[in-house]
Amino acid sequence: MLRYLSFPKGLWKPGRTKARKFADDRRGATAIEFTMLALPFTFLIFAILESCISFAGQQLLSNAADTVARQIRTGQFKAADITETSLRKEICDYIQVIVAKDCPELEVDLREFPTFKAAAAVKIEYTGSGDNRDIDTSDFAVTPGKSLSKNMLRVFYRWPIMTDIMRKRLSNLKGGTTLHFASVTWQNEPFDD
């Protein structure tokens, strides 16, 4: 009767217990190992993608701040023509390739300072705490100086964390966002006001 039963090769040997047979069976090991590694692997892939996209957004914001600051420093973008709306639009045009249309989370602060030391003393202020923490924009202004004046442009963007897995670990502002920030300080060149 036993010669008609087919067992996988090497599975049935006389005198082995059922527990030993089960422990020796390796047919599903790959599936079990893949299942055990799938969650950490997926987490790692999402972390890499989220970090890369966020880094690209931060670099784009820094480049936009540098470019706009250069236009102001050289007099291409005159102080008389700069309003908050025009400054936001100018920066938004550079970063809109990677952020939401019309840059709804963009904040700008452009001010003239008497010295570089005074500009360096300006800190980022926050309102709220915990999950309700946000940047304080109450003292932000757009008041650029004329030629040879010292100015500082600060650009803030509330970057959305896209994957739910990473939101708790990466967000530092309300709404599951993280703060991207760029700052440029310079003295204007001698141009015609």
Foldseek 3Di string as FASTA:
>chain_A
DVVPDDDPPPLDDPPDDPVRSVVPDCPCVVVVVCVVCVVVVVVVVLVVVLVVLVVVLLVQLQVLQVVVVVCDQAVVCFQVNDAQVVSLVSSCVRRVVRDPPSQPQKDKAKDWDQDVVVVVPDDFDWDDDDQAIDTDCPPGGRRHDHAQTKMKMKMKGFAARDDPVCQVPADGHHPSTHIRMYMDIDTHHDDDD
